[in-house]
Amino acid sequence: HSSGRTPGGHRLYSEKDIALLSSIKAQIEQGMTARPAVLAVQKMDLEGRLPTGQPDESQRRTEQSPTSPAGYTQLAEVLFQHDLVRADQLMAEMVAFTSPDEITMNIIGPLLAELGEAWEQGRITVQDEHLASNYLRQRLLMWLVTGPPARKTSPIVLACAPGEWHEGSLLMLGVLLRRQGWPVAYLGQNVPFQDLAEFVEKVQPQILVLVGMLEETARNLAEWPKWIRQVADNPLVTFAGRAFVIHPELIDLVPGTYLGNAVQPGLERLLEVLR
């Protein structure tokens, strides 16, 4: 698009030019590379959905959709239909109108839970669940490494218990911490305590977050002081997971600080400690 110039040679931008540039900038800031960001914004422009200073009613509805039941339902449906191209389009639209923090908490978190329940109830196959959850996981991993510049301080280490493969809530927590500028060392699934102990000794994290989603893996967390001796008395060893919600008696078995029954209170507890 060619904008005009003043007699003095200064470029003139219309409201639409500014809306296009602002939308592209917002896409890139939320983790997209330049070309996909431009294509996503061009598509929104062609479909009349480009945000402007004076949005019409259809644009207002689109702005609300990322955190509404409609936005959630749309993404769930296309993932269940294996339509990853449409899922990319929906995700790009969400990123254009809201933050990764909101998408993580209001779309990805509930959808990961829904996927697990749908598989357990036989409404989708294991392949359906894997495809959709890995799609969402890849988005979270991208945001984990494309957040704002990290503060110059020792990292927060996030690790699943030995034998634990369910990492959705841990990934969400990592994204939310990075979005607030905290350095995160994400170790992910099934981390043996011997390897974790060596890593902790090398990086000296300020906080260690351990997750056990199943009863068996939650019980495994009780063994961490036998391996990570150098931080055995450190109150900044924290833990959480679905197993502790279902079996609250397990909380007293694990040394350290329990972060609570959900991602949001866990994040708030960690931020209190960090501040």
Protein backbone atom coordinates (compact mmCIF):
# COMPACT_ATOMS: atom_id res chain seq x y z
CA HIS A 1 0.00 0.00 0.00
CA SER A 2 1.36 3.42 -0.95
CA SER A 3 0.61 6.31 1.35
CA GLY A 4 0.80 9.93 0.19
CA ARG A 5 3.36 12.54 1.13
CA THR A 6 3.24 16.16 2.17
CA PRO A 7 4.95 18.84 0.01
CA GLY A 8 7.86 18.57 2.43
CA GLY A 9 8.26 14.87 1.73
CA HIS A 10 6.76 13.51 4.97
CA ARG A 11 4.75 10.34 4.51
CA LEU A 12 1.02 10.54 5.22
CA TYR A 13 -0.80 7.61 6.80
CA SER A 14 -4.53 7.06 6.76
CA GLU A 15 -6.43 5.60 9.70
CA LYS A 16 -6.47 2.29 7.83
CA ASP A 17 -2.68 2.40 7.33
CA ILE A 18 -2.24 2.95 11.05
CA ALA A 19 -4.65 0.12 11.87
CA LEU A 20 -2.76 -2.25 9.54
CA LEU A 21 0.64 -1.35 10.99
CA SER A 22 -0.62 -1.51 14.57
CA SER A 23 -2.16 -4.94 13.99
CA ILE A 24 1.02 -6.31 12.40
CA LYS A 25 3.09 -4.91 15.27
CA ALA A 26 0.73 -6.53 17.81
CA GLN A 27 0.99 -9.91 16.07
CA ILE A 28 4.79 -9.79 16.10
CA GLU A 29 4.90 -8.71 19.75
CA GLN A 30 2.75 -11.73 20.65
CA GLY A 31 5.23 -14.16 19.10
CA MET A 32 4.45 -14.39 15.37
CA THR A 33 7.19 -13.91 12.79
CA ALA A 34 6.84 -11.08 10.28
CA ARG A 35 5.41 -12.88 7.24
CA PRO A 36 2.66 -14.85 9.08
CA ALA A 37 1.78 -11.65 10.94
CA VAL A 38 1.35 -9.73 7.69
CA LEU A 39 -0.70 -12.54 6.11
CA ALA A 40 -2.97 -12.78 9.16
CA VAL A 41 -3.62 -9.03 9.16
CA GLN A 42 -4.20 -8.96 5.39
CA LYS A 43 -6.80 -11.72 5.78
CA MET A 44 -8.56 -9.78 8.55
CA ASP A 45 -8.55 -6.70 6.31
CA LEU A 46 -10.05 -8.58 3.36
CA GLU A 47 -12.78 -9.99 5.59
CA GLY A 48 -13.56 -6.58 7.08
CA ARG A 49 -12.38 -7.53 10.56
CA LEU A 50 -9.43 -5.17 10.93
CA PRO A 51 -9.59 -3.36 14.31
CA THR A 52 -9.84 0.42 14.06
CA GLY A 53 -10.28 3.30 16.44
CA GLN A 54 -14.04 3.18 15.83
CA PRO A 55 -14.97 -0.53 15.62
CA ASP A 56 -18.40 -1.48 14.36
CA GLU A 57 -20.56 -4.05 16.12
CA SER A 58 -19.12 -7.03 14.21
CA GLN A 59 -15.59 -5.97 15.18
CA ARG A 60 -16.65 -5.59 18.81
CA ARG A 61 -17.98 -9.13 18.74
CA THR A 62 -14.69 -10.33 17.26
CA GLU A 63 -12.74 -8.48 19.95
CA GLN A 64 -14.76 -10.25 22.61
CA SER A 65 -14.58 -13.68 20.98
CA PRO A 66 -11.14 -14.83 22.20
CA THR A 67 -12.26 -15.01 25.83
CA SER A 68 -15.90 -15.86 25.18
CA PRO A 69 -17.54 -19.30 25.02
CA ALA A 70 -17.92 -18.78 21.25
CA GLY A 71 -14.16 -18.35 20.76
CA TYR A 72 -13.43 -21.40 22.89
CA THR A 73 -16.03 -23.51 21.07
CA GLN A 74 -14.74 -22.53 17.63
CA LEU A 75 -11.19 -23.58 18.43
CA ALA A 76 -12.35 -26.82 20.04
CA GLU A 77 -14.44 -27.72 17.01
CA VAL A 78 -11.70 -27.16 14.43
CA LEU A 79 -9.17 -29.10 16.50
CA PHE A 80 -11.60 -32.01 16.85
CA GLN A 81 -12.01 -31.85 13.04
CA HIS A 82 -8.20 -31.92 12.58
CA ASP A 83 -8.37 -28.56 10.75
CA LEU A 84 -5.05 -27.08 11.86
CA VAL A 85 -5.08 -24.41 9.16
CA ARG A 86 -8.32 -22.99 10.54
CA ALA A 87 -6.95 -23.39 14.07
CA ASP A 88 -3.96 -21.24 13.05
CA GLN A 89 -6.33 -18.60 11.70
CA LEU A 90 -8.40 -18.56 14.88
CA MET A 91 -5.30 -18.36 17.04
CA ALA A 92 -3.93 -15.47 14.96
CA GLU A 93 -7.21 -13.62 15.40
CA MET A 94 -7.11 -14.19 19.15
CA VAL A 95 -3.54 -12.91 19.38
CA ALA A 96 -4.56 -9.80 17.44
CA PHE A 97 -7.23 -8.87 19.96
CA THR A 98 -6.03 -10.13 23.32
CA SER A 99 -2.89 -11.19 25.19
CA PRO A 100 -1.28 -14.64 25.41
CA ASP A 101 -1.99 -14.49 29.16
CA GLU A 102 -5.74 -14.35 28.55
CA ILE A 103 -5.63 -16.96 25.79
CA THR A 104 -3.61 -19.27 28.03
CA MET A 105 -6.00 -18.98 30.97
CA ASN A 106 -9.36 -18.61 29.22
CA ILE A 107 -8.93 -20.74 26.09
CA ILE A 108 -5.99 -23.14 26.25
CA GLY A 109 -6.36 -24.17 29.89
CA PRO A 110 -10.07 -25.08 29.69
CA LEU A 111 -9.55 -26.71 26.30
CA LEU A 112 -6.75 -28.96 27.58
CA ALA A 113 -9.06 -30.05 30.40
CA GLU A 114 -11.89 -30.66 27.93
CA LEU A 115 -9.63 -32.78 25.74
CA GLY A 116 -8.73 -35.01 28.66
CA GLU A 117 -12.35 -35.44 29.69
CA ALA A 118 -13.49 -36.11 26.11
CA TRP A 119 -10.90 -38.85 25.74
CA GLU A 120 -11.76 -40.43 29.10
CA GLN A 121 -15.46 -40.45 28.14
CA GLY A 122 -14.78 -41.96 24.72
CA ARG A 123 -16.00 -38.91 22.77
CA ILE A 124 -12.66 -38.59 20.94
CA THR A 125 -9.88 -41.03 20.14
CA VAL A 126 -6.42 -40.94 21.64
CA GLN A 127 -5.14 -39.69 18.26
CA ASP A 128 -7.65 -36.81 18.36
CA GLU A 129 -6.53 -35.93 21.88
CA HIS A 130 -2.83 -36.08 21.00
CA LEU A 131 -3.21 -33.94 17.88
CA ALA A 132 -5.18 -31.22 19.65
CA SER A 133 -3.17 -31.17 22.87
CA ASN A 134 0.14 -31.12 20.99
CA TYR A 135 -1.12 -28.21 18.90
CA LEU A 136 -1.91 -26.25 22.08
CA ARG A 137 1.34 -27.37 23.69
CA GLN A 138 3.35 -26.04 20.72
CA ARG A 139 1.67 -22.66 21.10
CA LEU A 140 2.55 -22.54 24.80
CA LEU A 141 6.14 -23.56 24.09
CA MET A 142 6.44 -20.74 21.54
CA TRP A 143 5.20 -18.18 24.06
CA LEU A 144 7.57 -19.64 26.64
CA VAL A 145 10.56 -18.60 24.52
CA THR A 146 9.18 -15.38 22.99
CA GLY A 147 8.20 -13.45 26.09
CA PRO A 148 9.50 -10.00 27.09
CA PRO A 149 13.16 -9.61 28.08
CA ALA A 150 13.79 -11.63 31.23
CA ARG A 151 14.90 -9.98 34.47
CA LYS A 152 18.54 -10.45 35.37
CA THR A 153 18.04 -12.94 38.17
CA SER A 154 18.33 -16.67 38.73
CA PRO A 155 15.64 -18.70 36.99
CA ILE A 156 12.51 -20.45 38.18
CA VAL A 157 12.87 -24.15 37.37
CA LEU A 158 9.71 -26.03 36.37
CA ALA A 159 9.70 -29.84 36.26
CA CYS A 160 7.24 -32.71 36.24
CA ALA A 161 7.69 -35.46 38.82
CA PRO A 162 9.44 -38.68 37.82
CA GLY A 163 6.96 -40.68 35.75
CA GLU A 164 4.69 -37.68 35.14
CA TRP A 165 3.82 -36.96 31.49
CA HIS A 166 0.95 -34.48 31.95
CA GLU A 167 2.56 -31.06 31.59
CA GLY A 168 -0.25 -28.76 30.46
CA SER A 169 -0.68 -26.82 33.69
CA LEU A 170 3.08 -26.56 34.21
CA LEU A 171 3.52 -25.15 30.70
CA MET A 172 0.75 -22.63 31.36
CA LEU A 173 2.44 -21.52 34.56
CA GLY A 174 5.74 -21.13 32.73
CA VAL A 175 4.14 -18.96 30.04
CA LEU A 176 2.43 -16.73 32.60
CA LEU A 177 5.68 -16.26 34.52
CA ARG A 178 7.61 -15.42 31.34
CA ARG A 179 4.94 -12.94 30.28
CA GLN A 180 5.70 -11.08 33.52
CA GLY A 181 9.41 -11.03 32.73
CA TRP A 182 10.66 -13.79 35.02
CA PRO A 183 13.36 -16.15 33.68
CA VAL A 184 12.07 -19.70 33.38
CA ALA A 185 14.03 -22.93 32.94
CA TYR A 186 11.40 -25.37 31.73
CA LEU A 187 12.43 -29.03 32.09
CA GLY A 188 9.05 -30.56 31.25
CA GLN A 189 7.90 -34.14 31.51
CA ASN A 190 9.22 -37.05 33.60
CA VAL A 191 12.33 -35.52 35.17
CA PRO A 192 14.35 -38.02 37.27
CA PHE A 193 15.41 -36.55 40.61
CA GLN A 194 19.08 -37.41 40.04
CA ASP A 195 19.12 -35.33 36.84
CA LEU A 196 17.07 -32.59 38.47
CA ALA A 197 19.51 -32.42 41.39
CA GLU A 198 22.47 -31.94 39.03
CA PHE A 199 20.60 -29.20 37.16
CA VAL A 200 19.62 -27.40 40.36
CA GLU A 201 23.20 -27.49 41.58
CA LYS A 202 24.40 -25.89 38.34
CA VAL A 203 21.83 -23.12 37.91
CA GLN A 204 20.95 -22.37 41.56
CA PRO A 205 17.31 -21.41 40.89
CA GLN A 206 15.41 -19.08 43.17
CA ILE A 207 12.31 -21.29 42.99
CA LEU A 208 11.76 -24.92 42.03
CA VAL A 209 8.24 -25.86 40.92
CA LEU A 210 7.37 -29.58 40.90
CA VAL A 211 4.15 -31.04 39.50
CA GLY A 212 2.43 -34.39 40.08
CA MET A 213 -0.90 -34.88 38.36
CA LEU A 214 -1.47 -38.55 39.22
CA GLU A 215 -1.53 -40.03 42.72
CA GLU A 216 1.53 -42.17 42.00
CA THR A 217 3.62 -39.29 40.68
CA ALA A 218 2.43 -36.98 43.47
CA ARG A 219 3.71 -39.52 45.96
CA ASN A 220 7.02 -39.58 44.07
CA LEU A 221 7.45 -35.91 44.93
CA ALA A 222 7.88 -36.82 48.59
CA GLU A 223 11.30 -38.21 47.66
CA TRP A 224 12.85 -35.00 46.37
CA PRO A 225 14.81 -34.09 49.56
CA LYS A 226 16.78 -37.36 49.27
CA TRP A 227 18.23 -36.11 46.00
CA ILE A 228 18.21 -32.33 46.11
CA ARG A 229 19.99 -31.99 49.42
CA GLN A 230 21.44 -28.55 48.81
CA VAL A 231 17.94 -27.03 48.80
CA ALA A 232 16.21 -29.48 51.12
CA ASP A 233 15.46 -26.79 53.71
CA ASN A 234 14.68 -24.08 51.18
CA PRO A 235 11.05 -22.86 51.40
CA LEU A 236 11.24 -21.95 47.71
CA VAL A 237 10.73 -25.57 46.70
CA THR A 238 7.08 -25.61 45.64
CA PHE A 239 4.67 -28.21 44.30
CA ALA A 240 1.19 -28.62 42.87
CA GLY A 241 -0.93 -30.87 40.67
CA ARG A 242 -4.36 -32.39 40.18
CA ALA A 243 -3.58 -35.31 42.49
CA PHE A 244 -3.35 -32.95 45.46
CA VAL A 245 -6.81 -31.58 44.67
CA ILE A 246 -8.36 -35.04 44.53
CA HIS A 247 -6.32 -36.41 47.45
CA PRO A 248 -5.56 -33.42 49.72
CA GLU A 249 -4.02 -35.76 52.30
CA LEU A 250 -1.01 -36.03 49.95
CA ILE A 251 -0.11 -32.39 50.57
CA ASP A 252 1.36 -33.17 53.99
CA LEU A 253 3.54 -35.93 52.51
CA VAL A 254 5.55 -33.60 50.29
CA PRO A 255 8.08 -31.18 51.82
CA GLY A 256 7.89 -27.64 50.48
CA THR A 257 5.24 -25.03 49.72
CA TYR A 258 1.94 -26.11 48.18
CA LEU A 259 0.91 -23.67 45.44
CA GLY A 260 -2.84 -24.31 45.54
CA ASN A 261 -5.53 -26.02 43.54
CA ALA A 262 -5.27 -24.19 40.20
CA VAL A 263 -2.85 -22.35 37.93
CA GLN A 264 -4.01 -18.82 38.81
CA PRO A 265 -3.63 -19.10 42.60
CA GLY A 266 -0.33 -20.88 42.04
CA LEU A 267 0.89 -18.00 39.91
CA GLU A 268 -0.23 -15.45 42.51
CA ARG A 269 1.56 -17.36 45.27
CA LEU A 270 4.78 -17.46 43.25
CA LEU A 271 4.57 -13.77 42.41
CA GLU A 272 4.15 -12.94 46.08
CA VAL A 273 7.36 -14.82 46.86
CA LEU A 274 9.23 -13.26 43.93
CA ARG A 275 8.25 -9.75 44.95
